[in-house]
Amino acid sequence: MDSDRETVLKRYGLTERKAPLPRHVAVIMDGNGRWARTRGLPRIAGHRAGVSSIRETVRLCGELGIETLTLYAFSTENWRRPAREVSLLMALLRHYLKREVPELMKNNVRLATIGRTRDLPAPARKELRKAIAALSGNRGLTLVLALSYSGRADLIDAARSLASRARDGRIRPGDIDEATFSGALSTAGLPEVDLLIRTSGEMRLSNFLLWELAYSELIVTKTLWPDFRAKHLVAALREYQKRERRFGGLVNLNRTWKGGRRT
């Protein structure tokens, strides 16, 4: 293991001697509204406070060498919220992208998106394109923002794409397998999701990464997203490393970890 990474792991009381850290962590950032309500503040105040949690989570994932972090930032269902709240959320997205690009650049973070981003307002799309372009040369953590995202919609879009290719003779229906289908999703090219963290204690997936979470480890914390800090992420990572990932099979207890992989 790289000595610098070993130092970072020790700093947070982590180790990969017995089990590796996840390559891909996904987070349902829930609880912003409740955080604001308990303080007598408008809901948008909770979303603003949650930006600090995003910053700390992104920074720590990068330091730990986690390859991909996917954040559920705005779902297709969120369009049903009051127009003023949606407008403020889009403004917050633009503000986040403008303010955080230097920090992301310093930390070698690459930015990507999943979801129907074409539905975002033009100013938000423009700022998103600028940020993605500015960070495209980075080779550290890949930060994926799920924006106007729906797991069901992504499955439908993939099915339509494959149906169109089959109709045009570019693929035979019998050749469609899991790999082919995965390649048609907006998450194509990303590592499998190893760990899903949901904050605020809710026990549901909320239409997030329905295909990709098939064998992910799920960890739910009662901590509201604006209160989520490095110690909470480290606790989730420790819990993840205790799990035996069988993927529907049985664990071979004679196999050992080597270089972050089971051999």
Protein backbone atom coordinates (compact mmCIF):
# COMPACT_ATOMS: atom_id res chain seq x y z
CA MET A 1 0.00 0.00 0.00
CA ASP A 2 1.19 3.52 -0.73
CA SER A 3 2.86 4.92 2.42
CA ASP A 4 0.98 8.24 2.20
CA ARG A 5 -2.35 6.42 2.07
CA GLU A 6 -1.28 4.22 4.98
CA THR A 7 -0.59 7.38 6.97
CA VAL A 8 -4.05 8.76 6.17
CA LEU A 9 -5.71 5.49 7.17
CA LYS A 10 -3.85 5.49 10.49
CA ARG A 11 -4.89 9.10 11.11
CA TYR A 12 -8.53 8.02 11.00
CA GLY A 13 -8.01 4.72 12.80
CA LEU A 14 -8.62 2.66 9.65
CA THR A 15 -6.69 -0.23 8.15
CA GLU A 16 -6.93 -2.49 5.10
CA ARG A 17 -5.04 -5.40 6.61
CA LYS A 18 -8.17 -7.57 6.92
CA ALA A 19 -10.59 -6.01 4.44
CA PRO A 20 -10.45 -3.25 1.82
CA LEU A 21 -12.27 0.04 1.85
CA PRO A 22 -15.09 0.39 -0.71
CA ARG A 23 -14.16 1.56 -4.18
CA HIS A 24 -17.52 3.28 -4.69
CA VAL A 25 -19.57 4.93 -1.94
CA ALA A 26 -23.07 6.32 -2.60
CA VAL A 27 -24.92 8.60 -0.21
CA ILE A 28 -28.59 9.53 0.16
CA MET A 29 -28.19 12.93 1.84
CA ASP A 30 -31.40 13.05 3.86
CA GLY A 31 -32.54 15.20 6.76
CA ASN A 32 -31.86 18.77 5.60
CA GLY A 33 -35.47 19.82 6.08
CA ARG A 34 -35.76 18.27 9.53
CA TRP A 35 -32.47 19.87 10.60
CA ALA A 36 -33.82 23.28 9.63
CA ARG A 37 -37.25 22.70 11.16
CA THR A 38 -35.87 21.80 14.58
CA ARG A 39 -34.04 25.14 14.55
CA GLY A 40 -37.02 27.15 13.39
CA LEU A 41 -35.31 27.89 10.07
CA PRO A 42 -36.57 27.68 6.47
CA ARG A 43 -35.85 24.41 4.66
CA ILE A 44 -33.25 26.01 2.39
CA ALA A 45 -31.14 26.72 5.49
CA GLY A 46 -30.80 22.96 5.95
CA HIS A 47 -29.67 22.53 2.35
CA ARG A 48 -27.09 25.31 2.78
CA ALA A 49 -25.81 23.71 5.98
CA GLY A 50 -25.51 20.39 4.14
CA VAL A 51 -22.87 21.86 1.81
CA SER A 52 -20.32 21.66 4.65
CA SER A 53 -21.08 17.95 4.98
CA ILE A 54 -20.54 17.49 1.25
CA ARG A 55 -17.21 19.30 1.42
CA GLU A 56 -15.95 17.20 4.34
CA THR A 57 -17.17 13.92 2.84
CA VAL A 58 -15.58 14.63 -0.54
CA ARG A 59 -12.30 15.64 1.05
CA LEU A 60 -12.09 12.53 3.24
CA CYS A 61 -13.05 10.12 0.45
CA GLY A 62 -10.28 11.63 -1.68
CA GLU A 63 -7.73 11.33 1.13
CA LEU A 64 -8.65 7.69 1.72
CA GLY A 65 -8.24 6.78 -1.94
CA ILE A 66 -11.89 5.90 -2.52
CA GLU A 67 -12.40 5.93 -6.29
CA THR A 68 -15.99 7.16 -6.63
CA LEU A 69 -18.46 9.04 -4.46
CA THR A 70 -22.02 9.40 -5.75
CA LEU A 71 -24.30 11.91 -4.00
CA TYR A 72 -28.08 11.91 -4.43
CA ALA A 73 -28.39 15.67 -4.85
CA PHE A 74 -31.78 16.13 -6.56
CA SER A 75 -34.31 13.51 -7.60
CA THR A 76 -36.94 13.68 -10.32
CA GLU A 77 -39.51 13.62 -7.50
CA ASN A 78 -37.97 16.79 -6.05
CA TRP A 79 -39.44 18.77 -8.97
CA ARG A 80 -42.79 18.39 -7.17
CA ARG A 81 -41.63 20.58 -4.31
CA PRO A 82 -42.80 24.22 -4.08
CA ALA A 83 -41.45 26.30 -6.98
CA ARG A 84 -39.61 28.66 -4.64
CA GLU A 85 -37.75 25.82 -2.92
CA VAL A 86 -36.76 24.30 -6.27
CA SER A 87 -35.54 27.70 -7.48
CA LEU A 88 -33.46 28.16 -4.32
CA LEU A 89 -32.01 24.64 -4.69
CA MET A 90 -30.95 25.38 -8.27
CA ALA A 91 -29.36 28.63 -7.13
CA LEU A 92 -27.56 26.72 -4.36
CA LEU A 93 -26.28 24.22 -6.93
CA ARG A 94 -24.84 27.03 -9.05
CA HIS A 95 -23.28 28.64 -5.98
CA TYR A 96 -21.76 25.33 -4.87
CA LEU A 97 -20.22 24.68 -8.28
CA LYS A 98 -18.74 28.18 -8.52
CA ARG A 99 -17.34 28.19 -4.99
CA GLU A 100 -16.11 24.60 -4.74
CA VAL A 101 -14.27 24.16 -8.04
CA PRO A 102 -10.97 25.55 -6.62
CA GLU A 103 -11.23 23.20 -3.62
CA LEU A 104 -12.05 20.24 -5.88
CA MET A 105 -9.17 21.14 -8.17
CA LYS A 106 -6.77 21.30 -5.24
CA ASN A 107 -7.89 17.84 -4.16
CA ASN A 108 -7.60 16.35 -7.68
CA VAL A 109 -11.35 15.59 -7.87
CA ARG A 110 -13.07 14.88 -11.17
CA LEU A 111 -16.76 15.76 -11.53
CA ALA A 112 -19.45 13.76 -13.33
CA THR A 113 -23.25 13.60 -13.29
CA ILE A 114 -26.03 11.07 -13.70
CA GLY A 115 -29.69 11.77 -14.29
CA ARG A 116 -31.75 13.82 -16.71
CA THR A 117 -29.66 16.95 -16.35
CA ARG A 118 -31.29 18.33 -19.50
CA ASP A 119 -34.24 19.14 -17.24
CA LEU A 120 -32.18 21.53 -15.10
CA PRO A 121 -32.55 25.29 -15.70
CA ALA A 122 -30.14 26.66 -18.31
CA PRO A 123 -27.97 28.60 -15.79
CA ALA A 124 -27.48 25.45 -13.70
CA ARG A 125 -26.61 23.37 -16.80
CA LYS A 126 -24.10 26.01 -17.89
CA GLU A 127 -22.36 26.08 -14.50
CA LEU A 128 -22.34 22.29 -14.40
CA ARG A 129 -20.69 22.05 -17.83
CA LYS A 130 -18.05 24.60 -16.80
CA ALA A 131 -17.21 22.72 -13.61
CA ILE A 132 -17.02 19.33 -15.35
CA ALA A 133 -14.72 20.77 -18.03
CA ALA A 134 -12.49 22.53 -15.48
CA LEU A 135 -12.01 19.34 -13.46
CA SER A 136 -11.83 16.89 -16.37
CA GLY A 137 -8.06 16.47 -16.19
CA ASN A 138 -8.03 15.36 -12.56
CA ARG A 139 -7.31 11.74 -11.70
CA GLY A 140 -8.28 11.41 -8.04
CA LEU A 141 -11.74 10.85 -6.62
CA THR A 142 -14.62 10.92 -9.09
CA LEU A 143 -17.49 12.90 -7.56
CA VAL A 144 -20.80 12.00 -9.19
CA LEU A 145 -23.78 14.28 -8.62
CA ALA A 146 -27.15 12.60 -9.20
CA LEU A 147 -29.27 15.47 -10.51
CA SER A 148 -32.86 15.13 -11.70
CA TYR A 149 -32.15 11.46 -11.13
CA SER A 150 -34.55 8.53 -10.86
CA GLY A 151 -33.51 4.90 -10.69
CA ARG A 152 -36.67 3.82 -12.52
CA ALA A 153 -36.25 6.50 -15.18
CA ASP A 154 -32.65 5.40 -15.75
CA LEU A 155 -33.81 1.81 -16.21
CA ILE A 156 -36.45 2.95 -18.68
CA ASP A 157 -33.93 5.06 -20.60
CA ALA A 158 -31.56 2.09 -20.80
CA ALA A 159 -34.34 -0.22 -22.03
CA ARG A 160 -35.35 2.28 -24.69
CA SER A 161 -31.74 2.66 -25.84
CA LEU A 162 -31.26 -1.10 -26.15
CA ALA A 163 -34.63 -1.51 -27.89
CA SER A 164 -33.64 1.16 -30.41
CA ARG A 165 -30.30 -0.55 -31.06
CA ALA A 166 -32.03 -3.91 -31.52
CA ARG A 167 -34.58 -2.39 -33.90
CA ASP A 168 -31.75 -0.92 -36.01
CA GLY A 169 -29.90 -4.24 -36.09
CA ARG A 170 -26.95 -2.96 -34.05
CA ILE A 171 -27.51 -5.58 -31.36
CA ARG A 172 -29.38 -8.88 -31.13
CA PRO A 173 -31.93 -9.17 -28.30
CA GLY A 174 -30.41 -12.49 -27.28
CA ASP A 175 -27.04 -10.81 -26.75
CA ILE A 176 -28.35 -8.49 -24.04
CA ASP A 177 -26.93 -9.58 -20.70
CA GLU A 178 -26.19 -7.83 -17.39
CA ALA A 179 -23.00 -6.25 -18.72
CA THR A 180 -24.80 -4.93 -21.80
CA PHE A 181 -27.62 -3.51 -19.72
CA SER A 182 -25.22 -1.92 -17.23
CA GLY A 183 -23.45 -0.28 -20.15
CA ALA A 184 -26.68 1.41 -21.19
CA LEU A 185 -27.25 3.03 -17.78
CA SER A 186 -26.05 6.52 -16.89
CA THR A 187 -23.63 4.91 -14.41
CA ALA A 188 -21.80 3.03 -17.18
CA GLY A 189 -18.07 2.99 -16.60
CA LEU A 190 -18.30 3.57 -12.86
CA PRO A 191 -17.22 0.90 -10.36
CA GLU A 192 -19.93 -1.21 -8.73
CA VAL A 193 -21.45 0.52 -5.70
CA ASP A 194 -19.93 -1.18 -2.66
CA LEU A 195 -21.51 0.89 0.09
CA LEU A 196 -24.70 2.97 0.36
CA ILE A 197 -25.03 5.35 3.30
CA ARG A 198 -28.38 6.93 4.10
CA THR A 199 -28.61 9.65 6.71
CA SER A 200 -31.58 10.66 8.93
CA GLY A 201 -32.66 7.11 9.78
CA GLU A 202 -35.13 6.51 6.94
CA MET A 203 -35.18 2.87 5.78
CA ARG A 204 -35.81 3.13 2.06
CA LEU A 205 -33.91 3.55 -1.23
CA SER A 206 -36.02 6.46 -2.52
CA ASN A 207 -35.66 5.41 -6.17
CA PHE A 208 -31.86 5.67 -6.06
CA LEU A 209 -29.52 3.40 -8.08
CA LEU A 210 -32.02 0.54 -8.14
CA TRP A 211 -29.93 -1.64 -10.48
CA GLU A 212 -26.55 -0.66 -9.06
CA LEU A 213 -27.39 -1.41 -5.41
CA ALA A 214 -28.18 -5.09 -6.00
CA TYR A 215 -25.30 -6.33 -3.82
CA SER A 216 -24.24 -3.14 -2.06
CA GLU A 217 -23.83 -2.98 1.69
CA LEU A 218 -26.40 -0.64 3.24
CA ILE A 219 -25.72 1.50 6.30
CA VAL A 220 -28.35 3.81 7.77
CA THR A 221 -27.45 6.44 10.35
CA LYS A 222 -29.89 8.58 12.33
CA THR A 223 -27.54 11.55 11.90
CA LEU A 224 -29.15 14.28 9.81
CA TRP A 225 -27.12 15.21 6.74
CA PRO A 226 -26.08 18.71 7.88
CA ASP A 227 -24.55 17.09 11.00
CA PHE A 228 -22.73 14.36 9.05
CA ARG A 229 -18.97 14.69 9.49
CA ALA A 230 -15.75 12.72 9.03
CA LYS A 231 -16.34 10.69 12.19
CA HIS A 232 -19.68 9.45 10.84
CA LEU A 233 -18.14 8.43 7.52
CA VAL A 234 -15.28 6.67 9.29
CA ALA A 235 -17.80 4.78 11.47
CA ALA A 236 -19.66 3.66 8.33
CA LEU A 237 -16.42 2.52 6.70
CA ARG A 238 -15.48 0.52 9.79
CA GLU A 239 -18.89 -1.14 9.80
CA TYR A 240 -18.53 -1.90 6.07
CA GLN A 241 -15.20 -3.64 6.67
CA LYS A 242 -16.87 -5.95 9.21
CA ARG A 243 -19.35 -7.23 6.64
CA GLU A 244 -18.85 -10.48 4.74
CA ARG A 245 -19.76 -9.78 1.13
CA ARG A 246 -20.98 -13.06 -0.35
CA PHE A 247 -22.77 -11.80 -3.50
CA GLY A 248 -25.28 -14.61 -3.14
CA GLY A 249 -22.61 -17.27 -2.60
CA LEU A 250 -20.55 -18.51 0.32
CA VAL A 251 -17.37 -17.00 1.70
CA ASN A 252 -14.25 -19.10 1.28
CA LEU A 253 -12.64 -18.62 4.68
CA ASN A 254 -9.29 -19.82 3.32
CA ARG A 255 -9.03 -16.81 1.00
CA THR A 256 -7.03 -13.85 2.25
CA TRP A 257 -6.76 -10.16 1.49
CA LYS A 258 -3.83 -8.99 -0.57
CA GLY A 259 -3.30 -5.48 -1.85
CA GLY A 260 -6.89 -4.48 -1.08
CA ARG A 261 -8.37 -7.44 -2.99
CA ARG A 262 -9.52 -10.90 -1.91
CA THR A 263 -7.24 -13.53 -3.44
